[in-house]
PDB file of N, CA and C in Angstrom:
ATOM      1  N   MET A   1       0.835  -1.178   0.000  1.00  0.00           N
ATOM      2  CA  MET A   1       0.000   0.000   0.000  1.00  0.00           C
ATOM      3  C   MET A   1       0.876   1.236   0.000  1.00  0.00           C
ATOM      4  N   ASN A   2       1.231   1.614  -1.106  1.00  0.00           N
ATOM      5  CA  ASN A   2       2.113   2.731  -1.283  1.00  0.00           C
ATOM      6  C   ASN A   2       1.387   3.893  -1.955  1.00  0.00           C
ATOM      7  N   GLU A   3       0.109   4.001  -1.665  1.00  0.00           N
ATOM      8  CA  GLU A   3      -0.687   5.042  -2.319  1.00  0.00           C
ATOM      9  C   GLU A   3      -0.527   6.361  -1.592  1.00  0.00           C
ATOM     10  N   ARG A   4      -0.646   7.420  -2.358  1.00  0.00           N
ATOM     11  CA  ARG A   4      -0.597   8.744  -1.736  1.00  0.00           C
ATOM     12  C   ARG A   4      -2.012   9.180  -1.401  1.00  0.00           C
ATOM     13  N   GLY A   5      -2.152   9.994  -0.331  1.00  0.00           N
ATOM     14  CA  GLY A   5      -3.463  10.500   0.050  1.00  0.00           C
ATOM     15  C   GLY A   5      -3.870  10.041   1.443  1.00  0.00           C
ATOM     16  N   VAL A   6      -5.019  10.492   1.854  1.00  0.00           N
ATOM     17  CA  VAL A   6      -5.524  10.227   3.198  1.00  0.00           C
ATOM     18  C   VAL A   6      -6.885   9.579   3.050  1.00  0.00           C
ATOM     19  N   THR A   7      -7.121   8.557   3.832  1.00  0.00           N
ATOM     20  CA  THR A   7      -8.425   7.898   3.767  1.00  0.00           C
ATOM     21  C   THR A   7      -9.453   8.712   4.542  1.00  0.00           C
ATOM     22  N   LEU A   8     -10.690   8.403   4.334  1.00  0.00           N
ATOM     23  CA  LEU A   8     -11.793   9.086   5.028  1.00  0.00           C
ATOM     24  C   LEU A   8     -11.704   8.854   6.531  1.00  0.00           C
ATOM     25  N   LEU A   9     -11.365   7.673   6.948  1.00  0.00           N
ATOM     26  CA  LEU A   9     -11.254   7.356   8.375  1.00  0.00           C
ATOM     27  C   LEU A   9     -10.153   8.179   9.036  1.00  0.00           C
ATOM     28  N   GLU A  10      -9.013   8.307   8.388  1.00  0.00           N
ATOM     29  CA  GLU A  10      -7.916   9.116   8.933  1.00  0.00           C
ATOM     30  C   GLU A  10      -8.323  10.585   9.043  1.00  0.00           C
ATOM     31  N   SER A  11      -9.066  11.072   8.078  1.00  0.00           N
ATOM     32  CA  SER A  11      -9.543  12.470   8.112  1.00  0.00           C
ATOM     33  C   SER A  11     -10.492  12.696   9.277  1.00  0.00           C
ATOM     34  N   LEU A  12     -11.410  11.748   9.487  1.00  0.00           N
ATOM     35  CA  LEU A  12     -12.366  11.884  10.588  1.00  0.00           C
ATOM     36  C   LEU A  12     -11.656  11.828  11.946  1.00  0.00           C
ATOM     37  N   ILE A  13     -10.680  10.944  12.088  1.00  0.00           N
ATOM     38  CA  ILE A  13      -9.935  10.851  13.345  1.00  0.00           C
ATOM     39  C   ILE A  13      -9.159  12.149  13.586  1.00  0.00           C
ATOM     40  N   ALA A  14      -8.540  12.681  12.562  1.00  0.00           N
ATOM     41  CA  ALA A  14      -7.806  13.946  12.704  1.00  0.00           C
ATOM     42  C   ALA A  14      -8.766  15.086  13.060  1.00  0.00           C
ATOM     43  N   LEU A  15      -9.967  15.078  12.482  1.00  0.00           N
ATOM     44  CA  LEU A  15     -10.966  16.105  12.780  1.00  0.00           C
ATOM     45  C   LEU A  15     -11.418  16.020  14.244  1.00  0.00           C
ATOM     46  N   VAL A  16     -11.653  14.819  14.735  1.00  0.00           N
ATOM     47  CA  VAL A  16     -12.081  14.634  16.128  1.00  0.00           C
ATOM     48  C   VAL A  16     -10.967  15.057  17.083  1.00  0.00           C
ATOM     49  N   VAL A  17      -9.769  14.649  16.829  1.00  0.00           N
ATOM     50  CA  VAL A  17      -8.647  15.022  17.691  1.00  0.00           C
ATOM     51  C   VAL A  17      -8.447  16.537  17.673  1.00  0.00           C
ATOM     52  N   GLY A  18      -8.505  17.145  16.520  1.00  0.00           N
ATOM     53  CA  GLY A  18      -8.368  18.598  16.409  1.00  0.00           C
ATOM     54  C   GLY A  18      -9.485  19.328  17.149  1.00  0.00           C
ATOM     55  N   SER A  19     -10.704  18.817  17.045  1.00  0.00           N
ATOM     56  CA  SER A  19     -11.838  19.433  17.748  1.00  0.00           C
ATOM     57  C   SER A  19     -11.659  19.360  19.263  1.00  0.00           C
ATOM     58  N   VAL A  20     -11.206  18.220  19.765  1.00  0.00           N
ATOM     59  CA  VAL A  20     -10.981  18.057  21.200  1.00  0.00           C
ATOM     60  C   VAL A  20      -9.909  19.032  21.677  1.00  0.00           C
ATOM     61  N   VAL A  21      -8.845  19.156  20.917  1.00  0.00           N
ATOM     62  CA  VAL A  21      -7.777  20.088  21.285  1.00  0.00           C
ATOM     63  C   VAL A  21      -8.297  21.524  21.292  1.00  0.00           C
ATOM     64  N   LEU A  22      -9.052  21.909  20.254  1.00  0.00           N
ATOM     65  CA  LEU A  22      -9.595  23.274  20.191  1.00  0.00           C
ATOM     66  C   LEU A  22     -10.592  23.538  21.321  1.00  0.00           C
ATOM     67  N   LEU A  23     -11.415  22.553  21.672  1.00  0.00           N
ATOM     68  CA  LEU A  23     -12.339  22.716  22.799  1.00  0.00           C
ATOM     69  C   LEU A  23     -11.578  22.903  24.111  1.00  0.00           C
ATOM     70  N   GLY A  24     -10.507  22.154  24.293  1.00  0.00           N
ATOM     71  CA  GLY A  24      -9.690  22.312  25.497  1.00  0.00           C
ATOM     72  C   GLY A  24      -9.068  23.697  25.582  1.00  0.00           C
ATOM     73  N   VAL A  25      -8.516  24.170  24.472  1.00  0.00           N
ATOM     74  CA  VAL A  25      -7.913  25.510  24.441  1.00  0.00           C
ATOM     75  C   VAL A  25      -8.979  26.571  24.692  1.00  0.00           C
ATOM     76  N   GLY A  26     -10.144  26.411  24.076  1.00  0.00           N
ATOM     77  CA  GLY A  26     -11.235  27.374  24.273  1.00  0.00           C
ATOM     78  C   GLY A  26     -11.719  27.404  25.716  1.00  0.00           C
ATOM     79  N   SER A  27     -11.865  26.226  26.316  1.00  0.00           N
ATOM     80  CA  SER A  27     -12.290  26.152  27.721  1.00  0.00           C
ATOM     81  C   SER A  27     -11.266  26.812  28.642  1.00  0.00           C
ATOM     82  N   PHE A  28     -10.011  26.569  28.372  1.00  0.00           N
ATOM     83  CA  PHE A  28      -8.948  27.195  29.162  1.00  0.00           C
ATOM     84  C   PHE A  28      -9.008  28.721  29.037  1.00  0.00           C
ATOM     85  N   TYR A  29      -9.224  29.221  27.820  1.00  0.00           N
ATOM     86  CA  TYR A  29      -9.312  30.664  27.601  1.00  0.00           C
ATOM     87  C   TYR A  29     -10.495  31.265  28.357  1.00  0.00           C
ATOM     88  N   VAL A  30     -11.648  30.627  28.283  1.00  0.00           N
ATOM     89  CA  VAL A  30     -12.845  31.139  28.967  1.00  0.00           C
ATOM     90  C   VAL A  30     -12.633  31.142  30.484  1.00  0.00           C
ATOM     91  N   ALA A  31     -12.067  30.071  31.024  1.00  0.00           N
ATOM     92  CA  ALA A  31     -11.830  30.005  32.468  1.00  0.00           C
ATOM     93  C   ALA A  31     -10.832  31.072  32.906  1.00  0.00           C
ATOM     94  N   THR A  32      -9.796  31.265  32.130  1.00  0.00           N
ATOM     95  CA  THR A  32      -8.804  32.287  32.457  1.00  0.00           C
ATOM     96  C   THR A  32      -9.408  33.677  32.393  1.00  0.00           C
ATOM     97  N   SER A  33     -10.246  33.916  31.388  1.00  0.00           N
ATOM     98  CA  SER A  33     -10.894  35.219  31.242  1.00  0.00           C
ATOM     99  C   SER A  33     -11.825  35.512  32.420  1.00  0.00           C
ATOM    100  N   ARG A  34     -12.619  34.515  32.818  1.00  0.00           N
ATOM    101  CA  ARG A  34     -13.520  34.698  33.970  1.00  0.00           C
ATOM    102  C   ARG A  34     -12.738  34.957  35.250  1.00  0.00           C
ATOM    103  N   SER A  35     -11.696  34.202  35.450  1.00  0.00           N
ATOM    104  CA  SER A  35     -10.870  34.364  36.646  1.00  0.00           C
ATOM    105  C   SER A  35     -10.248  35.756  36.683  1.00  0.00           C
ATOM    106  N   SER A  36      -9.781  36.211  35.547  1.00  0.00           N
ATOM    107  CA  SER A  36      -9.172  37.535  35.470  1.00  0.00           C
ATOM    108  C   SER A  36     -10.185  38.628  35.797  1.00  0.00           C
ATOM    109  N   SER A  37     -11.393  38.516  35.262  1.00  0.00           N
ATOM    110  CA  SER A  37     -12.404  39.546  35.543  1.00  0.00           C
ATOM    111  C   SER A  37     -12.838  39.510  37.007  1.00  0.00           C
ATOM    112  N   GLN A  38     -12.915  38.309  37.606  1.00  0.00           N
ATOM    113  CA  GLN A  38     -13.257  38.215  39.024  1.00  0.00           C
ATOM    114  C   GLN A  38     -12.150  38.802  39.892  1.00  0.00           C
ATOM    115  N   ASP A  39     -10.908  38.554  39.518  1.00  0.00           N
ATOM    116  CA  ASP A  39      -9.783  39.130  40.262  1.00  0.00           C
ATOM    117  C   ASP A  39      -9.805  40.647  40.178  1.00  0.00           C
ATOM    118  N   SER A  40     -10.097  41.177  38.994  1.00  0.00           N
ATOM    119  CA  SER A  40     -10.162  42.627  38.823  1.00  0.00           C
ATOM    120  C   SER A  40     -11.282  43.225  39.670  1.00  0.00           C
ATOM    121  N   ALA A  41     -12.432  42.566  39.689  1.00  0.00           N
ATOM    122  CA  ALA A  41     -13.557  43.055  40.485  1.00  0.00           C
ATOM    123  C   ALA A  41     -13.226  43.017  41.973  1.00  0.00           C
ATOM    124  N   GLN A  42     -12.587  41.950  42.422  1.00  0.00           N
ATOM    125  CA  GLN A  42     -12.234  41.852  43.836  1.00  0.00           C
ATOM    126  C   GLN A  42     -11.191  42.898  44.211  1.00  0.00           C
ATOM    127  N   THR A  43     -10.221  43.127  43.342  1.00  0.00           N
ATOM    128  CA  THR A  43      -9.219  44.158  43.592  1.00  0.00           C
ATOM    129  C   THR A  43      -9.880  45.531  43.692  1.00  0.00           C
ATOM    130  N   PHE A  44     -10.815  45.807  42.798  1.00  0.00           N
ATOM    131  CA  PHE A  44     -11.529  47.085  42.836  1.00  0.00           C
ATOM    132  C   PHE A  44     -12.288  47.234  44.157  1.00  0.00           C
ATOM    133  N   LEU A  45     -12.995  46.188  44.573  1.00  0.00           N
ATOM    134  CA  LEU A  45     -13.754  46.261  45.822  1.00  0.00           C
ATOM    135  C   LEU A  45     -12.843  46.435  47.030  1.00  0.00           C
ATOM    136  N   GLN A  46     -11.689  45.771  47.019  1.00  0.00           N
ATOM    137  CA  GLN A  46     -10.759  45.946  48.129  1.00  0.00           C
ATOM    138  C   GLN A  46     -10.227  47.371  48.171  1.00  0.00           C
ATOM    139  N   ARG A  47      -9.922  47.950  47.025  1.00  0.00           N
ATOM    140  CA  ARG A  47      -9.459  49.343  46.985  1.00  0.00           C
ATOM    141  C   ARG A  47     -10.544  50.285  47.487  1.00  0.00           C
ATOM    142  N   GLN A  48     -11.791  50.049  47.043  1.00  0.00           N
ATOM    143  CA  GLN A  48     -12.892  50.890  47.502  1.00  0.00           C
ATOM    144  C   GLN A  48     -13.084  50.768  49.011  1.00  0.00           C
ATOM    145  N   GLY A  49     -12.940  49.542  49.533  1.00  0.00           N
ATOM    146  CA  GLY A  49     -13.070  49.337  50.979  1.00  0.00           C
ATOM    147  C   GLY A  49     -11.995  50.078  51.750  1.00  0.00           C
ATOM    148  N   VAL A  50     -10.769  50.030  51.262  1.00  0.00           N
ATOM    149  CA  VAL A  50      -9.667  50.745  51.923  1.00  0.00           C
ATOM    150  C   VAL A  50      -9.921  52.243  51.879  1.00  0.00           C
ATOM    151  N   LEU A  51     -10.337  52.751  50.717  1.00  0.00           N
ATOM    152  CA  LEU A  51     -10.616  54.194  50.611  1.00  0.00           C
ATOM    153  C   LEU A  51     -11.754  54.611  51.530  1.00  0.00           C
ATOM    154  N   THR A  52     -12.784  53.773  51.625  1.00  0.00           N
ATOM    155  CA  THR A  52     -13.919  54.079  52.503  1.00  0.00           C
ATOM    156  C   THR A  52     -13.478  54.091  53.962  1.00  0.00           C
ATOM    157  N   MET A  53     -12.697  53.096  54.361  1.00  0.00           N
ATOM    158  CA  MET A  53     -12.224  53.048  55.747  1.00  0.00           C
ATOM    159  C   MET A  53     -11.331  54.244  56.062  1.00  0.00           C
ATOM    160  N   GLU A  54     -10.463  54.622  55.124  1.00  0.00           N
ATOM    161  CA  GLU A  54      -9.604  55.785  55.349  1.00  0.00           C
ATOM    162  C   GLU A  54     -10.423  57.061  55.467  1.00  0.00           C
ATOM    163  N   GLU A  55     -11.450  57.208  54.635  1.00  0.00           N
ATOM    164  CA  GLU A  55     -12.301  58.401  54.706  1.00  0.00           C
ATOM    165  C   GLU A  55     -13.090  58.424  56.019  1.00  0.00           C
ATOM    166  N   MET A  56     -13.603  57.273  56.435  1.00  0.00           N
ATOM    167  CA  MET A  56     -14.321  57.211  57.712  1.00  0.00           C
ATOM    168  C   MET A  56     -13.388  57.575  58.859  1.00  0.00           C
ATOM    169  N   ALA A  57     -12.177  57.022  58.847  1.00  0.00           N
ATOM    170  CA  ALA A  57     -11.212  57.320  59.910  1.00  0.00           C
ATOM    171  C   ALA A  57     -10.863  58.802  59.911  1.00  0.00           C
ATOM    172  N   ARG A  58     -10.697  59.388  58.720  1.00  0.00           N
ATOM    173  CA  ARG A  58     -10.363  60.806  58.624  1.00  0.00           C
ATOM    174  C   ARG A  58     -11.480  61.676  59.204  1.00  0.00           C
ATOM    175  N   GLN A  59     -12.727  61.290  58.964  1.00  0.00           N
ATOM    176  CA  GLN A  59     -13.846  62.087  59.459  1.00  0.00           C
ATOM    177  C   GLN A  59     -14.165  61.811  60.924  1.00  0.00           C
ATOM    178  N   ILE A  60     -13.905  60.593  61.389  1.00  0.00           N
ATOM    179  CA  ILE A  60     -14.229  60.242  62.776  1.00  0.00           C
ATOM    180  C   ILE A  60     -13.132  60.683  63.738  1.00  0.00           C
ATOM    181  N   ARG A  61     -11.886  60.713  63.278  1.00  0.00           N
ATOM    182  CA  ARG A  61     -10.745  61.018  64.153  1.00  0.00           C
ATOM    183  C   ARG A  61     -10.953  62.288  64.986  1.00  0.00           C
ATOM    184  N   PRO A  62     -11.454  63.389  64.434  1.00  0.00           N
ATOM    185  CA  PRO A  62     -11.626  64.594  65.256  1.00  0.00           C
ATOM    186  C   PRO A  62     -12.919  64.609  66.088  1.00  0.00           C
ATOM    187  N   ALA A  63     -13.608  63.476  66.199  1.00  0.00           N
ATOM    188  CA  ALA A  63     -14.882  63.437  66.919  1.00  0.00           C
ATOM    189  C   ALA A  63     -14.697  63.806  68.386  1.00  0.00           C
ATOM    190  N   THR A  64     -15.670  64.544  68.906  1.00  0.00           N
ATOM    191  CA  THR A  64     -15.655  64.926  70.312  1.00  0.00           C
ATOM    192  C   THR A  64     -16.729  64.197  71.113  1.00  0.00           C
ATOM    193  N   SER A  65     -17.731  63.626  70.431  1.00  0.00           N
ATOM    194  CA  SER A  65     -18.769  62.880  71.138  1.00  0.00           C
ATOM    195  C   SER A  65     -19.367  61.833  70.204  1.00  0.00           C
ATOM    196  N   LEU A  66     -20.040  60.861  70.822  1.00  0.00           N
ATOM    197  CA  LEU A  66     -20.688  59.788  70.084  1.00  0.00           C
ATOM    198  C   LEU A  66     -22.148  59.713  70.484  1.00  0.00           C
ATOM    199  N   ALA A  67     -23.023  59.481  69.531  1.00  0.00           N
ATOM    200  CA  ALA A  67     -24.439  59.229  69.798  1.00  0.00           C
ATOM    201  C   ALA A  67     -24.753  57.866  69.207  1.00  0.00           C
ATOM    202  N   ASP A  68     -25.289  56.948  70.025  1.00  0.00           N
ATOM    203  CA  ASP A  68     -25.648  55.648  69.475  1.00  0.00           C
ATOM    204  C   ASP A  68     -27.139  55.422  69.597  1.00  0.00           C
ATOM    205  N   ASN A  69     -27.632  54.450  68.889  1.00  0.00           N
ATOM    206  CA  ASN A  69     -29.052  54.108  68.813  1.00  0.00           C
ATOM    207  C   ASN A  69     -29.905  55.266  68.342  1.00  0.00           C
ATOM    208  N   CYS A  70     -29.335  56.156  67.555  1.00  0.00           N
ATOM    209  CA  CYS A  70     -30.103  57.258  66.987  1.00  0.00           C
ATOM    210  C   CYS A  70     -31.069  56.683  65.955  1.00  0.00           C
ATOM    211  N   ASN A  71     -32.237  57.188  65.879  1.00  0.00           N
ATOM    212  CA  ASN A  71     -33.302  56.714  64.986  1.00  0.00           C
ATOM    213  C   ASN A  71     -33.778  55.315  65.353  1.00  0.00           C
ATOM    214  N   GLY A  72     -33.485  54.887  66.570  1.00  0.00           N
ATOM    215  CA  GLY A  72     -33.990  53.605  67.036  1.00  0.00           C
ATOM    216  C   GLY A  72     -33.289  52.398  66.438  1.00  0.00           C
ATOM    217  N   GLY A  73     -32.232  52.594  65.705  1.00  0.00           N
ATOM    218  CA  GLY A  73     -31.534  51.472  65.087  1.00  0.00           C
ATOM    219  C   GLY A  73     -30.200  51.224  65.736  1.00  0.00           C
ATOM    220  N   ASN A  74     -29.486  50.278  65.223  1.00  0.00           N
ATOM    221  CA  ASN A  74     -28.133  50.001  65.682  1.00  0.00           C
ATOM    222  C   ASN A  74     -27.190  50.896  64.906  1.00  0.00           C
ATOM    223  N   SER A  75     -27.049  52.113  65.352  1.00  0.00           N
ATOM    224  CA  SER A  75     -26.214  53.060  64.630  1.00  0.00           C
ATOM    225  C   SER A  75     -25.292  53.769  65.602  1.00  0.00           C
ATOM    226  N   LEU A  76     -24.268  54.365  65.059  1.00  0.00           N
ATOM    227  CA  LEU A  76     -23.315  55.131  65.842  1.00  0.00           C
ATOM    228  C   LEU A  76     -23.016  56.394  65.059  1.00  0.00           C
ATOM    229  N   GLN A  77     -23.121  57.537  65.725  1.00  0.00           N
ATOM    230  CA  GLN A  77     -22.889  58.805  65.057  1.00  0.00           C
ATOM    231  C   GLN A  77     -21.768  59.525  65.790  1.00  0.00           C
ATOM    232  N   ALA A  78     -20.700  59.872  65.054  1.00  0.00           N
ATOM    233  CA  ALA A  78     -19.577  60.608  65.626  1.00  0.00           C
ATOM    234  C   ALA A  78     -19.769  62.080  65.300  1.00  0.00           C
ATOM    235  N   ILE A  79     -19.687  62.923  66.328  1.00  0.00           N
ATOM    236  CA  ILE A  79     -19.954  64.355  66.167  1.00  0.00           C
ATOM    237  C   ILE A  79     -18.681  65.114  66.486  1.00  0.00           C
ATOM    238  N   ASN A  80     -18.268  66.009  65.583  1.00  0.00           N
ATOM    239  CA  ASN A  80     -17.039  66.766  65.816  1.00  0.00           C
ATOM    240  C   ASN A  80     -17.337  68.038  66.613  1.00  0.00           C
ATOM    241  N   ALA A  81     -16.322  68.837  66.863  1.00  0.00           N
ATOM    242  CA  ALA A  81     -16.456  70.016  67.714  1.00  0.00           C
ATOM    243  C   ALA A  81     -17.449  71.030  67.151  1.00  0.00           C
ATOM    244  N   SER A  82     -17.602  71.099  65.832  1.00  0.00           N
ATOM    245  CA  SER A  82     -18.538  72.062  65.241  1.00  0.00           C
ATOM    246  C   SER A  82     -19.962  71.539  65.215  1.00  0.00           C
ATOM    247  N   GLY A  83     -20.174  70.298  65.662  1.00  0.00           N
ATOM    248  CA  GLY A  83     -21.515  69.737  65.704  1.00  0.00           C
ATOM    249  C   GLY A  83     -21.877  68.947  64.463  1.00  0.00           C
ATOM    250  N   ALA A  84     -20.956  68.812  63.508  1.00  0.00           N
ATOM    251  CA  ALA A  84     -21.247  68.067  62.295  1.00  0.00           C
ATOM    252  C   ALA A  84     -21.042  66.581  62.543  1.00  0.00           C
ATOM    253  N   ALA A  85     -21.967  65.781  62.052  1.00  0.00           N
ATOM    254  CA  ALA A  85     -21.847  64.329  62.168  1.00  0.00           C
ATOM    255  C   ALA A  85     -21.047  63.823  60.991  1.00  0.00           C
ATOM    256  N   TRP A  86     -20.231  62.793  61.207  1.00  0.00           N
ATOM    257  CA  TRP A  86     -19.416  62.296  60.110  1.00  0.00           C
ATOM    258  C   TRP A  86     -20.308  61.653  59.065  1.00  0.00           C
ATOM    259  N   GLY A  87     -19.881  61.786  57.841  1.00  0.00           N
ATOM    260  CA  GLY A  87     -20.541  61.106  56.745  1.00  0.00           C
ATOM    261  C   GLY A  87     -21.493  61.984  55.968  1.00  0.00           C
ATOM    262  N   ASN A  88     -22.247  62.862  56.647  1.00  0.00           N
ATOM    263  CA  ASN A  88     -23.198  63.658  55.894  1.00  0.00           C
ATOM    264  C   ASN A  88     -22.825  65.140  55.853  1.00  0.00           C
ATOM    265  N   GLY A  89     -21.845  65.554  56.627  1.00  0.00           N
ATOM    266  CA  GLY A  89     -21.400  66.942  56.600  1.00  0.00           C
ATOM    267  C   GLY A  89     -22.378  67.925  57.204  1.00  0.00           C
ATOM    268  N   LYS A  90     -23.480  67.426  57.805  1.00  0.00           N
ATOM    269  CA  LYS A  90     -24.485  68.298  58.409  1.00  0.00           C
ATOM    270  C   LYS A  90     -24.549  68.020  59.903  1.00  0.00           C
ATOM    271  N   PRO A  91     -25.001  68.983  60.691  1.00  0.00           N
ATOM    272  CA  PRO A  91     -25.177  68.712  62.119  1.00  0.00           C
ATOM    273  C   PRO A  91     -26.218  67.621  62.323  1.00  0.00           C
ATOM    274  N   PRO A  92     -26.142  66.889  63.425  1.00  0.00           N
ATOM    275  CA  PRO A  92     -27.142  65.864  63.693  1.00  0.00           C
ATOM    276  C   PRO A  92     -28.532  66.473  63.681  1.00  0.00           C
ATOM    277  N   HIS A  93     -29.497  65.718  63.254  1.00  0.00           N
ATOM    278  CA  HIS A  93     -30.841  66.234  63.046  1.00  0.00           C
ATOM    279  C   HIS A  93     -31.570  66.496  64.367  1.00  0.00           C
ATOM    280  N   GLY A  94     -31.503  67.696  64.858  1.00  0.00           N
ATOM    281  CA  GLY A  94     -32.299  68.192  65.971  1.00  0.00           C
ATOM    282  C   GLY A  94     -32.152  67.462  67.276  1.00  0.00           C
ATOM    283  N   LEU A  95     -30.945  67.169  67.707  1.00  0.00           N
ATOM    284  CA  LEU A  95     -30.782  66.536  69.008  1.00  0.00           C
ATOM    285  C   LEU A  95     -30.991  67.564  70.109  1.00  0.00           C
ATOM    286  N   SER A  96     -31.777  67.207  71.102  1.00  0.00           N
ATOM    287  CA  SER A  96     -31.962  68.089  72.252  1.00  0.00           C
ATOM    288  C   SER A  96     -31.403  67.388  73.474  1.00  0.00           C
ATOM    289  N   SER A  97     -30.955  68.153  74.460  1.00  0.00           N
ATOM    290  CA  SER A  97     -30.281  67.562  75.621  1.00  0.00           C
ATOM    291  C   SER A  97     -31.126  67.691  76.875  1.00  0.00           C
ATOM    292  N   PRO A  98     -31.802  66.620  77.293  1.00  0.00           N
ATOM    293  CA  PRO A  98     -32.494  66.654  78.568  1.00  0.00           C
ATOM    294  C   PRO A  98     -31.497  66.595  79.723  1.00  0.00           C
ATOM    295  N   ALA A  99     -31.971  66.855  80.929  1.00  0.00           N
ATOM    296  CA  ALA A  99     -31.095  66.953  82.099  1.00  0.00           C
ATOM    297  C   ALA A  99     -30.429  65.628  82.441  1.00  0.00           C
ATOM    298  N   ASP A 100     -31.039  64.501  82.090  1.00  0.00           N
ATOM    299  CA  ASP A 100     -30.465  63.207  82.486  1.00  0.00           C
ATOM    300  C   ASP A 100     -29.339  62.737  81.568  1.00  0.00           C
ATOM    301  N   GLY A 101     -28.936  63.532  80.609  1.00  0.00           N
ATOM    302  CA  GLY A 101     -27.822  63.181  79.749  1.00  0.00           C
ATOM    303  C   GLY A 101     -28.218  62.393  78.513  1.00  0.00           C
ATOM    304  N   GLN A 102     -29.476  62.010  78.393  1.00  0.00           N
ATOM    305  CA  GLN A 102     -29.929  61.315  77.200  1.00  0.00           C
ATOM    306  C   GLN A 102     -30.241  62.330  76.104  1.00  0.00           C
ATOM    307  N   GLN A 103     -30.133  61.890  74.885  1.00  0.00           N
ATOM    308  CA  GLN A 103     -30.447  62.735  73.744  1.00  0.00           C
ATOM    309  C   GLN A 103     -31.694  62.183  73.078  1.00  0.00           C
ATOM    310  N   PHE A 104     -32.529  63.075  72.590  1.00  0.00           N
ATOM    311  CA  PHE A 104     -33.709  62.656  71.862  1.00  0.00           C
ATOM    312  C   PHE A 104     -33.599  63.171  70.446  1.00  0.00           C
ATOM    313  N   CYS A 105     -33.805  62.287  69.518  1.00  0.00           N
ATOM    314  CA  CYS A 105     -33.674  62.625  68.120  1.00  0.00           C
ATOM    315  C   CYS A 105     -34.864  63.492  67.720  1.00  0.00           C
ATOM    316  N   GLY A 106     -34.585  64.680  67.201  1.00  0.00           N
ATOM    317  CA  GLY A 106     -35.641  65.582  66.781  1.00  0.00           C
ATOM    318  C   GLY A 106     -36.391  65.087  65.563  1.00  0.00           C
ATOM    319  N   LYS A 107     -35.797  64.179  64.819  1.00  0.00           N
ATOM    320  CA  LYS A 107     -36.435  63.667  63.610  1.00  0.00           C
ATOM    321  C   LYS A 107     -37.460  62.590  63.939  1.00  0.00           C
ATOM    322  N   CYS A 108     -37.079  61.647  64.805  1.00  0.00           N
ATOM    323  CA  CYS A 108     -37.975  60.528  65.091  1.00  0.00           C
ATOM    324  C   CYS A 108     -38.482  60.536  66.532  1.00  0.00           C
ATOM    325  N   GLY A 109     -37.923  61.391  67.401  1.00  0.00           N
ATOM    326  CA  GLY A 109     -38.360  61.468  68.784  1.00  0.00           C
ATOM    327  C   GLY A 109     -37.844  60.352  69.662  1.00  0.00           C
ATOM    328  N   ARG A 110     -36.979  59.508  69.143  1.00  0.00           N
ATOM    329  CA  ARG A 110     -36.461  58.396  69.944  1.00  0.00           C
ATOM    330  C   ARG A 110     -35.249  58.831  70.751  1.00  0.00           C
ATOM    331  N   GLU A 111     -34.956  58.016  71.736  1.00  0.00           N
ATOM    332  CA  GLU A 111     -33.866  58.309  72.649  1.00  0.00           C
ATOM    333  C   GLU A 111     -32.533  57.890  72.036  1.00  0.00           C
ATOM    334  N   CYS A 112     -31.531  58.728  72.169  1.00  0.00           N
ATOM    335  CA  CYS A 112     -30.180  58.414  71.737  1.00  0.00           C
ATOM    336  C   CYS A 112     -29.250  58.663  72.922  1.00  0.00           C
ATOM    337  N   SER A 113     -28.365  57.735  73.218  1.00  0.00           N
ATOM    338  CA  SER A 113     -27.421  58.006  74.285  1.00  0.00           C
ATOM    339  C   SER A 113     -26.236  58.760  73.675  1.00  0.00           C
ATOM    340  N   HIS A 114     -25.742  59.727  74.388  1.00  0.00           N
ATOM    341  CA  HIS A 114     -24.736  60.643  73.861  1.00  0.00           C
ATOM    342  C   HIS A 114     -23.567  60.690  74.840  1.00  0.00           C
ATOM    343  N   ARG A 115     -22.367  60.362  74.355  1.00  0.00           N
ATOM    344  CA  ARG A 115     -21.211  60.321  75.237  1.00  0.00           C
ATOM    345  C   ARG A 115     -20.137  61.245  74.713  1.00  0.00           C
ATOM    346  N   GLN A 116     -19.525  61.974  75.613  1.00  0.00           N
ATOM    347  CA  GLN A 116     -18.377  62.812  75.248  1.00  0.00           C
ATOM    348  C   GLN A 116     -17.147  61.923  75.186  1.00  0.00           C
ATOM    349  N   LEU A 117     -16.293  62.172  74.216  1.00  0.00           N
ATOM    350  CA  LEU A 117     -15.034  61.436  74.109  1.00  0.00           C
ATOM    351  C   LEU A 117     -13.957  62.167  74.887  1.00  0.00           C
ATOM    352  N   SER A 118     -13.002  61.399  75.388  1.00  0.00           N
ATOM    353  CA  SER A 118     -11.917  62.027  76.129  1.00  0.00           C
ATOM    354  C   SER A 118     -11.005  62.772  75.160  1.00  0.00           C
ATOM    355  N   ALA A 119     -10.170  63.657  75.694  1.00  0.00           N
ATOM    356  CA  ALA A 119      -9.292  64.460  74.865  1.00  0.00           C
ATOM    357  C   ALA A 119      -8.265  63.599  74.139  1.00  0.00           C
ATOM    358  N   SER A 120      -7.959  62.430  74.679  1.00  0.00           N
ATOM    359  CA  SER A 120      -6.964  61.567  74.029  1.00  0.00           C
ATOM    360  C   SER A 120      -7.540  60.842  72.824  1.00  0.00           C
ATOM    361  N   GLY A 121      -8.850  60.865  72.633  1.00  0.00           N
ATOM    362  CA  GLY A 121      -9.390  60.293  71.415  1.00  0.00           C
ATOM    363  C   GLY A 121     -10.279  59.161  71.605  1.00  0.00           C
TER     364      GLY A 121
END
């Protein structure tokens, strides 16, 4: 059998092997692409988290007092010497000071406990 050429069976086997190889390469490319985009998204979120924490620390650091449970929720509000609460740049919404040291939220009428921070921070 010294004929030149390729039989139909050899062509089909080469086609199947080539298809399997191309599917493997394609699957590898898709997995790598997904992994890369997930890594980029996670890196972005970590950077945003660091920036948010740094901004919160920058705004909270000069706080002179804390109000917690404002609006009846599990919240904490840091108030600086000028009366501005961190995060919104506005003074706390209508806090009034009764004689017993408790604060009442002027917006919702609920009780907020208010503590002065020491000079050391």
